[in-house]
Amino acid sequence: MLKETLSKGQKLTDAALERLLPPATQHPTSIHQAMRHSVFAGGKRLRPILCMEAASMVAGSVPVGVDDLGAALEMLHTYSLIHDDLPALDNDDLRRGRPTCHKAFGEAIAILAGDALQTQAYEVLSRLQCTAEARVRIIEEIARGTGTISGMIGGQVVDLEAEHRQPDLATLEYIHRAKTAALITASVVSGALYAGADDAAVSCIRSFGQNIGLAFQIVDDVLDVTQTSEQLGKTAGKDLAAEKATYPALFGLEKSLQKADDLVASGCAMLDRFGDRADTLKTLAKFLVERKK
């Protein structure tokens, strides 16, 4: 069931991305080739899949057009990876098992490719096939999740400033909740909004997203020190080398993994009101922490 869900979600997302992104032959070709290099480098498409499954849980079936929303989320996620890999930030040469965008196309084009994916994502969001009210709320939700207060960019800033310092729990949790969990939360909440969820349902789904998003990053931190670059598809041990604030650095591996398991259990409990329709999302949440096995 899980394998089928992941495969179907990947195919829907990739088809939408193929349709929505400019072709590699479109002038100016260098930027469009760079965008596609990173977008189609692989990846599980977890954020689009979480979005589509949240929408399906609320509506009872996958709503028409929600794959475009998922594609926009993947564009935003990929933009963040392109910029995160740049020499001024994490300075990584490998992403999803292939050369990072700046290694393949140069720093200038990589920066612009990230910018272009972010711009393209909001163009797609502006045309979503849902009510105007839902569309505005979705755009607001995603903008907040990628912003500077408690979103992805703010988390990246604090992550940079925390390098080579002894991490404390408050700083560590802010980084993880903002840098990673915020976009995961925006993914499930935007899917719910697309499907017409009421405020009570959105609140439960938001709590679910916040919990599993933090669990996801904790497991990522663990994998960074327990797996090889080949297994990860990116350079292993980067967080340790940069003395980044991570859960394993503060609590050790065993306690970190237990924290991730507890967060997923708490998050899944928030979906009990949806009964059997929440089964797929709960299974996906458990998959996020079972990557460690």
C-alpha atoms as a PDB file:
ATOM      1  CA  MET A   1       0.000   0.000   0.000  1.00  0.00           C
ATOM      2  CA  LEU A   2       2.731   2.467   0.972  1.00  0.00           C
ATOM      3  CA  LYS A   3       4.827   1.591  -2.058  1.00  0.00           C
ATOM      4  CA  GLU A   4       1.804   2.135  -4.300  1.00  0.00           C
ATOM      5  CA  THR A   5       1.014   5.479  -2.635  1.00  0.00           C
ATOM      6  CA  LEU A   6       4.592   6.714  -3.082  1.00  0.00           C
ATOM      7  CA  SER A   7       4.805   5.511  -6.689  1.00  0.00           C
ATOM      8  CA  LYS A   8       1.463   7.038  -7.672  1.00  0.00           C
ATOM      9  CA  GLY A   9       2.293  10.319  -5.943  1.00  0.00           C
ATOM     10  CA  GLN A  10       5.688  10.535  -7.628  1.00  0.00           C
ATOM     11  CA  LYS A  11       4.170   9.927 -11.050  1.00  0.00           C
ATOM     12  CA  LEU A  12       1.421  12.524 -10.540  1.00  0.00           C
ATOM     13  CA  THR A  13       3.940  15.087  -9.304  1.00  0.00           C
ATOM     14  CA  ASP A  14       6.465  14.447 -12.061  1.00  0.00           C
ATOM     15  CA  ALA A  15       3.784  14.688 -14.741  1.00  0.00           C
ATOM     16  CA  ALA A  16       2.600  18.010 -13.302  1.00  0.00           C
ATOM     17  CA  LEU A  17       6.169  19.325 -13.084  1.00  0.00           C
ATOM     18  CA  GLU A  18       6.839  18.294 -16.688  1.00  0.00           C
ATOM     19  CA  ARG A  19       3.726  20.158 -17.778  1.00  0.00           C
ATOM     20  CA  LEU A  20       4.265  23.278 -15.649  1.00  0.00           C
ATOM     21  CA  LEU A  21       7.998  23.914 -16.048  1.00  0.00           C
ATOM     22  CA  PRO A  22       9.346  25.574 -19.199  1.00  0.00           C
ATOM     23  CA  PRO A  23      10.964  23.019 -21.541  1.00  0.00           C
ATOM     24  CA  ALA A  24      14.752  22.737 -21.600  1.00  0.00           C
ATOM     25  CA  THR A  25      14.674  24.060 -25.169  1.00  0.00           C
ATOM     26  CA  GLN A  26      12.870  27.285 -24.188  1.00  0.00           C
ATOM     27  CA  HIS A  27      15.015  30.438 -24.515  1.00  0.00           C
ATOM     28  CA  PRO A  28      17.035  31.233 -22.419  1.00  0.00           C
ATOM     29  CA  THR A  29      17.908  27.545 -22.347  1.00  0.00           C
ATOM     30  CA  SER A  30      20.597  27.651 -19.634  1.00  0.00           C
ATOM     31  CA  ILE A  31      18.180  28.621 -16.856  1.00  0.00           C
ATOM     32  CA  HIS A  32      15.526  26.117 -17.876  1.00  0.00           C
ATOM     33  CA  GLN A  33      18.077  23.321 -18.147  1.00  0.00           C
ATOM     34  CA  ALA A  34      19.369  24.191 -14.669  1.00  0.00           C
ATOM     35  CA  MET A  35      15.861  24.231 -13.178  1.00  0.00           C
ATOM     36  CA  ARG A  36      15.095  20.836 -14.676  1.00  0.00           C
ATOM     37  CA  HIS A  37      18.486  19.427 -13.682  1.00  0.00           C
ATOM     38  CA  SER A  38      17.590  19.911 -10.029  1.00  0.00           C
ATOM     39  CA  VAL A  39      13.843  19.269 -10.157  1.00  0.00           C
ATOM     40  CA  PHE A  40      14.211  15.982 -12.024  1.00  0.00           C
ATOM     41  CA  ALA A  41      17.261  14.761 -10.117  1.00  0.00           C
ATOM     42  CA  GLY A  42      15.074  12.295  -8.231  1.00  0.00           C
ATOM     43  CA  GLY A  43      13.706  12.609  -4.733  1.00  0.00           C
ATOM     44  CA  LYS A  44      10.733  10.952  -3.071  1.00  0.00           C
ATOM     45  CA  ARG A  45       8.344  13.907  -3.680  1.00  0.00           C
ATOM     46  CA  LEU A  46       7.277  13.603  -0.037  1.00  0.00           C
ATOM     47  CA  ARG A  47       5.885  17.127   0.284  1.00  0.00           C
ATOM     48  CA  PRO A  48       3.611  16.845  -2.780  1.00  0.00           C
ATOM     49  CA  ILE A  49       2.516  13.371  -1.682  1.00  0.00           C
ATOM     50  CA  LEU A  50       1.711  14.577   1.836  1.00  0.00           C
ATOM     51  CA  CYS A  51      -0.214  17.484   0.297  1.00  0.00           C
ATOM     52  CA  MET A  52      -2.244  15.267  -2.021  1.00  0.00           C
ATOM     53  CA  GLU A  53      -2.968  12.694   0.675  1.00  0.00           C
ATOM     54  CA  ALA A  54      -4.124  15.400   3.109  1.00  0.00           C
ATOM     55  CA  ALA A  55      -6.478  16.676   0.413  1.00  0.00           C
ATOM     56  CA  SER A  56      -7.712  13.145  -0.245  1.00  0.00           C
ATOM     57  CA  MET A  57      -8.293  12.552   3.466  1.00  0.00           C
ATOM     58  CA  VAL A  58     -10.461  15.659   3.732  1.00  0.00           C
ATOM     59  CA  ALA A  59     -12.355  15.216   0.440  1.00  0.00           C
ATOM     60  CA  GLY A  60     -12.602  11.426   0.419  1.00  0.00           C
ATOM     61  CA  SER A  61     -10.744  11.216  -2.915  1.00  0.00           C
ATOM     62  CA  VAL A  62      -7.943  13.075  -4.675  1.00  0.00           C
ATOM     63  CA  PRO A  63      -9.368  16.454  -5.799  1.00  0.00           C
ATOM     64  CA  VAL A  64      -8.875  17.483  -9.424  1.00  0.00           C
ATOM     65  CA  GLY A  65      -5.901  19.814  -9.838  1.00  0.00           C
ATOM     66  CA  VAL A  66      -4.266  19.188  -6.464  1.00  0.00           C
ATOM     67  CA  ASP A  67      -1.260  17.748  -8.308  1.00  0.00           C
ATOM     68  CA  ASP A  68      -0.471  21.294  -9.465  1.00  0.00           C
ATOM     69  CA  LEU A  69      -0.341  22.371  -5.814  1.00  0.00           C
ATOM     70  CA  GLY A  70       1.993  19.467  -5.097  1.00  0.00           C
ATOM     71  CA  ALA A  71       4.216  20.451  -8.005  1.00  0.00           C
ATOM     72  CA  ALA A  72       4.450  24.030  -6.728  1.00  0.00           C
ATOM     73  CA  LEU A  73       5.535  22.733  -3.327  1.00  0.00           C
ATOM     74  CA  GLU A  74       8.220  20.603  -4.977  1.00  0.00           C
ATOM     75  CA  MET A  75       9.468  23.633  -6.920  1.00  0.00           C
ATOM     76  CA  LEU A  76       9.826  25.542  -3.648  1.00  0.00           C
ATOM     77  CA  HIS A  77      11.552  22.634  -1.961  1.00  0.00           C
ATOM     78  CA  THR A  78      13.987  22.273  -4.877  1.00  0.00           C
ATOM     79  CA  TYR A  79      14.715  26.012  -4.882  1.00  0.00           C
ATOM     80  CA  SER A  80      15.678  25.712  -1.213  1.00  0.00           C
ATOM     81  CA  LEU A  81      17.991  22.773  -1.961  1.00  0.00           C
ATOM     82  CA  ILE A  82      19.732  24.622  -4.801  1.00  0.00           C
ATOM     83  CA  HIS A  83      20.439  27.613  -2.563  1.00  0.00           C
ATOM     84  CA  ASP A  84      21.295  25.443   0.463  1.00  0.00           C
ATOM     85  CA  ASP A  85      24.010  23.678  -1.557  1.00  0.00           C
ATOM     86  CA  LEU A  86      25.729  26.914  -2.652  1.00  0.00           C
ATOM     87  CA  PRO A  87      29.284  27.647  -1.425  1.00  0.00           C
ATOM     88  CA  ALA A  88      28.027  30.553   0.697  1.00  0.00           C
ATOM     89  CA  LEU A  89      25.724  28.179   2.599  1.00  0.00           C
ATOM     90  CA  ASP A  90      26.390  24.422   2.942  1.00  0.00           C
ATOM     91  CA  ASN A  91      28.828  24.220   0.008  1.00  0.00           C
ATOM     92  CA  ASP A  92      27.835  20.757  -1.192  1.00  0.00           C
ATOM     93  CA  ASP A  93      28.828  19.099  -4.458  1.00  0.00           C
ATOM     94  CA  LEU A  94      26.267  16.282  -4.371  1.00  0.00           C
ATOM     95  CA  ARG A  95      22.465  16.271  -4.215  1.00  0.00           C
ATOM     96  CA  ARG A  96      20.174  13.296  -4.883  1.00  0.00           C
ATOM     97  CA  GLY A  97      23.166  11.394  -6.179  1.00  0.00           C
ATOM     98  CA  ARG A  98      24.178  13.866  -8.886  1.00  0.00           C
ATOM     99  CA  PRO A  99      26.218  17.121  -9.083  1.00  0.00           C
ATOM    100  CA  THR A 100      24.529  20.051  -7.384  1.00  0.00           C
ATOM    101  CA  CYS A 101      23.150  22.817  -9.587  1.00  0.00           C
ATOM    102  CA  HIS A 102      26.075  25.183  -9.058  1.00  0.00           C
ATOM    103  CA  LYS A 103      28.569  22.427  -9.862  1.00  0.00           C
ATOM    104  CA  ALA A 104      26.772  21.665 -13.124  1.00  0.00           C
ATOM    105  CA  PHE A 105      25.864  25.199 -14.237  1.00  0.00           C
ATOM    106  CA  GLY A 106      27.922  27.631 -12.141  1.00  0.00           C
ATOM    107  CA  GLU A 107      26.944  29.692  -9.117  1.00  0.00           C
ATOM    108  CA  ALA A 108      25.230  32.528 -10.997  1.00  0.00           C
ATOM    109  CA  ILE A 109      22.857  30.264 -12.931  1.00  0.00           C
ATOM    110  CA  ALA A 110      22.219  28.155  -9.813  1.00  0.00           C
ATOM    111  CA  ILE A 111      21.148  31.221  -7.831  1.00  0.00           C
ATOM    112  CA  LEU A 112      18.874  32.293 -10.664  1.00  0.00           C
ATOM    113  CA  ALA A 113      17.487  28.750 -11.069  1.00  0.00           C
ATOM    114  CA  GLY A 114      16.457  28.774  -7.422  1.00  0.00           C
ATOM    115  CA  ASP A 115      14.899  32.213  -7.837  1.00  0.00           C
ATOM    116  CA  ALA A 116      13.086  31.056 -10.974  1.00  0.00           C
ATOM    117  CA  LEU A 117      11.628  27.970  -9.296  1.00  0.00           C
ATOM    118  CA  GLN A 118      10.274  30.092  -6.467  1.00  0.00           C
ATOM    119  CA  THR A 119       8.728  32.535  -8.940  1.00  0.00           C
ATOM    120  CA  GLN A 120       7.286  29.717 -11.051  1.00  0.00           C
ATOM    121  CA  ALA A 121       5.766  28.108  -7.963  1.00  0.00           C
ATOM    122  CA  TYR A 122       3.761  31.208  -7.098  1.00  0.00           C
ATOM    123  CA  GLU A 123       2.580  31.568 -10.673  1.00  0.00           C
ATOM    124  CA  VAL A 124       1.244  28.002 -10.428  1.00  0.00           C
ATOM    125  CA  LEU A 125      -0.354  28.706  -7.035  1.00  0.00           C
ATOM    126  CA  SER A 126      -2.157  31.736  -8.459  1.00  0.00           C
ATOM    127  CA  ARG A 127      -3.946  29.487 -10.970  1.00  0.00           C
ATOM    128  CA  LEU A 128      -5.032  26.653  -8.652  1.00  0.00           C
ATOM    129  CA  GLN A 129      -8.428  25.091  -9.412  1.00  0.00           C
ATOM    130  CA  CYS A 130     -10.024  25.823  -6.051  1.00  0.00           C
ATOM    131  CA  THR A 131     -12.097  28.651  -4.615  1.00  0.00           C
ATOM    132  CA  ALA A 132     -10.537  32.105  -4.577  1.00  0.00           C
ATOM    133  CA  GLU A 133     -10.652  32.138  -0.760  1.00  0.00           C
ATOM    134  CA  ALA A 134      -8.835  28.794  -0.537  1.00  0.00           C
ATOM    135  CA  ARG A 135      -6.279  29.939  -3.106  1.00  0.00           C
ATOM    136  CA  VAL A 136      -5.411  33.062  -1.092  1.00  0.00           C
ATOM    137  CA  ARG A 137      -5.160  31.062   2.146  1.00  0.00           C
ATOM    138  CA  ILE A 138      -2.911  28.492   0.470  1.00  0.00           C
ATOM    139  CA  ILE A 139      -0.584  31.188  -0.865  1.00  0.00           C
ATOM    140  CA  GLU A 140      -0.441  32.818   2.569  1.00  0.00           C
ATOM    141  CA  GLU A 141       0.244  29.473   4.264  1.00  0.00           C
ATOM    142  CA  ILE A 142       3.069  28.539   1.922  1.00  0.00           C
ATOM    143  CA  ALA A 143       4.615  32.028   1.972  1.00  0.00           C
ATOM    144  CA  ARG A 144       4.669  31.904   5.774  1.00  0.00           C
ATOM    145  CA  GLY A 145       6.175  28.417   5.741  1.00  0.00           C
ATOM    146  CA  THR A 146       9.033  29.565   3.523  1.00  0.00           C
ATOM    147  CA  GLY A 147       9.513  32.987   5.168  1.00  0.00           C
ATOM    148  CA  THR A 148      11.760  34.578   7.774  1.00  0.00           C
ATOM    149  CA  ILE A 149       9.766  34.591  11.025  1.00  0.00           C
ATOM    150  CA  SER A 150       9.182  30.901  11.676  1.00  0.00           C
ATOM    151  CA  GLY A 151       9.664  29.542   8.175  1.00  0.00           C
ATOM    152  CA  MET A 152      12.333  27.960   6.041  1.00  0.00           C
ATOM    153  CA  ILE A 153      14.485  31.046   5.419  1.00  0.00           C
ATOM    154  CA  GLY A 154      14.462  32.065   9.074  1.00  0.00           C
ATOM    155  CA  GLY A 155      15.474  28.536  10.027  1.00  0.00           C
ATOM    156  CA  GLN A 156      18.344  28.608   7.545  1.00  0.00           C
ATOM    157  CA  VAL A 157      19.609  31.893   8.986  1.00  0.00           C
ATOM    158  CA  VAL A 158      19.625  30.611  12.569  1.00  0.00           C
ATOM    159  CA  ASP A 159      21.195  27.334  11.407  1.00  0.00           C
ATOM    160  CA  LEU A 160      24.069  29.285   9.859  1.00  0.00           C
ATOM    161  CA  GLU A 161      24.516  31.455  12.930  1.00  0.00           C
ATOM    162  CA  ALA A 162      24.534  28.398  15.221  1.00  0.00           C
ATOM    163  CA  GLU A 163      27.461  26.701  13.464  1.00  0.00           C
ATOM    164  CA  HIS A 164      30.520  25.981  15.658  1.00  0.00           C
ATOM    165  CA  ARG A 165      28.549  26.837  18.793  1.00  0.00           C
ATOM    166  CA  GLN A 166      27.287  24.577  21.542  1.00  0.00           C
ATOM    167  CA  PRO A 167      23.602  24.107  20.633  1.00  0.00           C
ATOM    168  CA  ASP A 168      20.831  24.606  23.170  1.00  0.00           C
ATOM    169  CA  LEU A 169      17.410  22.989  22.906  1.00  0.00           C
ATOM    170  CA  ALA A 170      15.497  26.194  22.143  1.00  0.00           C
ATOM    171  CA  THR A 171      17.796  27.087  19.225  1.00  0.00           C
ATOM    172  CA  LEU A 172      17.842  23.527  17.946  1.00  0.00           C
ATOM    173  CA  GLU A 173      14.054  23.198  17.959  1.00  0.00           C
ATOM    174  CA  TYR A 174      13.586  26.569  16.257  1.00  0.00           C
ATOM    175  CA  ILE A 175      15.984  25.578  13.473  1.00  0.00           C
ATOM    176  CA  HIS A 176      14.306  22.236  12.866  1.00  0.00           C
ATOM    177  CA  ARG A 177      10.743  23.518  13.101  1.00  0.00           C
ATOM    178  CA  ALA A 178      11.454  26.478  10.829  1.00  0.00           C
ATOM    179  CA  LYS A 179      13.962  25.115   8.333  1.00  0.00           C
ATOM    180  CA  THR A 180      12.233  21.791   7.649  1.00  0.00           C
ATOM    181  CA  ALA A 181       8.979  21.280   9.531  1.00  0.00           C
ATOM    182  CA  ALA A 182       7.397  24.558   8.358  1.00  0.00           C
ATOM    183  CA  LEU A 183       7.261  23.538   4.681  1.00  0.00           C
ATOM    184  CA  ILE A 184       6.077  20.026   5.556  1.00  0.00           C
ATOM    185  CA  THR A 185       3.343  21.588   7.684  1.00  0.00           C
ATOM    186  CA  ALA A 186       2.430  23.976   4.855  1.00  0.00           C
ATOM    187  CA  SER A 187       2.209  20.988   2.511  1.00  0.00           C
ATOM    188  CA  VAL A 188      -0.431  19.127   4.515  1.00  0.00           C
ATOM    189  CA  VAL A 189      -2.318  22.286   5.506  1.00  0.00           C
ATOM    190  CA  SER A 190      -2.443  23.599   1.929  1.00  0.00           C
ATOM    191  CA  GLY A 191      -3.738  20.220   0.744  1.00  0.00           C
ATOM    192  CA  ALA A 192      -6.460  20.354   3.374  1.00  0.00           C
ATOM    193  CA  LEU A 193      -7.389  23.920   2.416  1.00  0.00           C
ATOM    194  CA  TYR A 194      -7.539  22.936  -1.260  1.00  0.00           C
ATOM    195  CA  ALA A 195     -10.055  20.219  -0.348  1.00  0.00           C
ATOM    196  CA  GLY A 196     -12.212  22.647   1.645  1.00  0.00           C
ATOM    197  CA  ALA A 197     -11.294  21.690   5.218  1.00  0.00           C
ATOM    198  CA  ASP A 198     -12.913  23.721   7.996  1.00  0.00           C
ATOM    199  CA  ASP A 199     -10.864  25.514  10.645  1.00  0.00           C
ATOM    200  CA  ALA A 200     -11.121  22.681  13.194  1.00  0.00           C
ATOM    201  CA  ALA A 201      -9.807  20.159  10.657  1.00  0.00           C
ATOM    202  CA  VAL A 202      -7.019  22.524   9.569  1.00  0.00           C
ATOM    203  CA  SER A 203      -5.928  22.924  13.190  1.00  0.00           C
ATOM    204  CA  CYS A 204      -5.598  19.153  13.661  1.00  0.00           C
ATOM    205  CA  ILE A 205      -3.768  18.741  10.359  1.00  0.00           C
ATOM    206  CA  ARG A 206      -1.422  21.607  11.242  1.00  0.00           C
ATOM    207  CA  SER A 207      -0.477  19.882  14.511  1.00  0.00           C
ATOM    208  CA  PHE A 208       0.095  16.664  12.593  1.00  0.00           C
ATOM    209  CA  GLY A 209       2.400  18.461  10.137  1.00  0.00           C
ATOM    210  CA  GLN A 210       4.379  20.211  12.863  1.00  0.00           C
ATOM    211  CA  ASN A 211       5.016  16.922  14.657  1.00  0.00           C
ATOM    212  CA  ILE A 212       5.992  14.839  11.653  1.00  0.00           C
ATOM    213  CA  GLY A 213       8.050  17.681  10.173  1.00  0.00           C
ATOM    214  CA  LEU A 214      10.206  17.852  13.292  1.00  0.00           C
ATOM    215  CA  ALA A 215      10.478  14.053  13.376  1.00  0.00           C
ATOM    216  CA  PHE A 216      11.580  14.053   9.728  1.00  0.00           C
ATOM    217  CA  GLN A 217      14.461  16.463  10.425  1.00  0.00           C
ATOM    218  CA  ILE A 218      15.558  14.563  13.526  1.00  0.00           C
ATOM    219  CA  VAL A 219      15.843  11.383  11.454  1.00  0.00           C
ATOM    220  CA  ASP A 220      17.704  13.332   8.743  1.00  0.00           C
ATOM    221  CA  ASP A 221      20.225  14.410  11.388  1.00  0.00           C
ATOM    222  CA  VAL A 222      20.653  10.791  12.484  1.00  0.00           C
ATOM    223  CA  LEU A 223      21.108   9.559   8.912  1.00  0.00           C
ATOM    224  CA  ASP A 224      23.759  12.217   8.314  1.00  0.00           C
ATOM    225  CA  VAL A 225      26.012  10.489  10.852  1.00  0.00           C
ATOM    226  CA  THR A 226      24.987   6.850  10.299  1.00  0.00           C
ATOM    227  CA  GLN A 227      24.820   6.502   6.496  1.00  0.00           C
ATOM    228  CA  THR A 228      27.264   6.949   3.627  1.00  0.00           C
ATOM    229  CA  SER A 229      27.125   9.606   0.920  1.00  0.00           C
ATOM    230  CA  GLU A 230      26.064   6.911  -1.546  1.00  0.00           C
ATOM    231  CA  GLN A 231      23.140   5.888   0.672  1.00  0.00           C
ATOM    232  CA  LEU A 232      22.077   9.487   1.287  1.00  0.00           C
ATOM    233  CA  GLY A 233      22.585  10.793  -2.247  1.00  0.00           C
ATOM    234  CA  LYS A 234      24.369  13.783  -0.701  1.00  0.00           C
ATOM    235  CA  THR A 235      27.573  14.329   1.243  1.00  0.00           C
ATOM    236  CA  ALA A 236      27.414  12.498   4.568  1.00  0.00           C
ATOM    237  CA  GLY A 237      28.797  13.971   7.786  1.00  0.00           C
ATOM    238  CA  LYS A 238      28.408  17.601   6.708  1.00  0.00           C
ATOM    239  CA  ASP A 239      26.496  18.574   9.849  1.00  0.00           C
ATOM    240  CA  LEU A 240      29.148  17.034  12.087  1.00  0.00           C
ATOM    241  CA  ALA A 241      31.988  18.713  10.209  1.00  0.00           C
ATOM    242  CA  ALA A 242      30.296  22.116  10.484  1.00  0.00           C
ATOM    243  CA  GLU A 243      29.424  21.480  14.137  1.00  0.00           C
ATOM    244  CA  LYS A 244      25.800  22.207  13.317  1.00  0.00           C
ATOM    245  CA  ALA A 245      23.040  22.146  15.918  1.00  0.00           C
ATOM    246  CA  THR A 246      21.486  18.680  15.623  1.00  0.00           C
ATOM    247  CA  TYR A 247      19.513  16.346  17.862  1.00  0.00           C
ATOM    248  CA  PRO A 248      22.227  13.652  17.858  1.00  0.00           C
ATOM    249  CA  ALA A 249      24.792  16.256  18.916  1.00  0.00           C
ATOM    250  CA  LEU A 250      22.633  17.257  21.867  1.00  0.00           C
ATOM    251  CA  PHE A 251      20.907  13.998  22.860  1.00  0.00           C
ATOM    252  CA  GLY A 252      22.719  11.141  21.118  1.00  0.00           C
ATOM    253  CA  LEU A 253      21.304   8.733  18.551  1.00  0.00           C
ATOM    254  CA  GLU A 254      19.027   6.587  20.732  1.00  0.00           C
ATOM    255  CA  LYS A 255      17.211   9.461  22.432  1.00  0.00           C
ATOM    256  CA  SER A 256      16.913  11.313  19.118  1.00  0.00           C
ATOM    257  CA  LEU A 257      15.211   8.351  17.449  1.00  0.00           C
ATOM    258  CA  GLN A 258      12.885   7.901  20.418  1.00  0.00           C
ATOM    259  CA  LYS A 259      11.939  11.581  20.177  1.00  0.00           C
ATOM    260  CA  ALA A 260      11.141  11.112  16.478  1.00  0.00           C
ATOM    261  CA  ASP A 261       8.952   8.079  17.223  1.00  0.00           C
ATOM    262  CA  ASP A 262       7.091   9.979  19.966  1.00  0.00           C
ATOM    263  CA  LEU A 263       6.464  12.946  17.671  1.00  0.00           C
ATOM    264  CA  VAL A 264       4.998  10.721  14.951  1.00  0.00           C
ATOM    265  CA  ALA A 265       2.735   8.984  17.461  1.00  0.00           C
ATOM    266  CA  SER A 266       1.489  12.351  18.751  1.00  0.00           C
ATOM    267  CA  GLY A 267       0.999  13.662  15.229  1.00  0.00           C
ATOM    268  CA  CYS A 268      -0.973  10.610  14.108  1.00  0.00           C
ATOM    269  CA  ALA A 269      -3.255  10.932  17.126  1.00  0.00           C
ATOM    270  CA  MET A 270      -4.302  14.363  15.807  1.00  0.00           C
ATOM    271  CA  LEU A 271      -5.843  12.651  12.758  1.00  0.00           C
ATOM    272  CA  ASP A 272      -8.074  10.235  14.681  1.00  0.00           C
ATOM    273  CA  ARG A 273     -11.107  12.407  13.955  1.00  0.00           C
ATOM    274  CA  PHE A 274     -10.819  11.417  10.278  1.00  0.00           C
ATOM    275  CA  GLY A 275     -11.118   7.692  11.002  1.00  0.00           C
ATOM    276  CA  ASP A 276     -10.006   5.265   8.297  1.00  0.00           C
ATOM    277  CA  ARG A 277      -9.479   8.093   5.801  1.00  0.00           C
ATOM    278  CA  ALA A 278      -6.353   9.074   7.775  1.00  0.00           C
ATOM    279  CA  ASP A 279      -4.711   5.662   7.417  1.00  0.00           C
ATOM    280  CA  THR A 280      -2.558   6.595   4.421  1.00  0.00           C
ATOM    281  CA  LEU A 281      -1.267   9.803   6.005  1.00  0.00           C
ATOM    282  CA  LYS A 282      -0.482   7.947   9.216  1.00  0.00           C
ATOM    283  CA  THR A 283       1.409   5.305   7.255  1.00  0.00           C
ATOM    284  CA  LEU A 284       3.377   8.022   5.471  1.00  0.00           C
ATOM    285  CA  ALA A 285       4.238   9.628   8.808  1.00  0.00           C
ATOM    286  CA  LYS A 286       5.612   6.342  10.118  1.00  0.00           C
ATOM    287  CA  PHE A 287       7.599   5.907   6.913  1.00  0.00           C
ATOM    288  CA  LEU A 288       9.359   9.224   7.579  1.00  0.00           C
ATOM    289  CA  VAL A 289      10.958   7.836  10.744  1.00  0.00           C
ATOM    290  CA  GLU A 290      11.384   4.287   9.494  1.00  0.00           C
ATOM    291  CA  ARG A 291      13.923   5.553   6.943  1.00  0.00           C
ATOM    292  CA  LYS A 292      16.450   4.920   9.713  1.00  0.00           C
ATOM    293  CA  LYS A 293      15.984   1.151   9.414  1.00  0.00           C
END
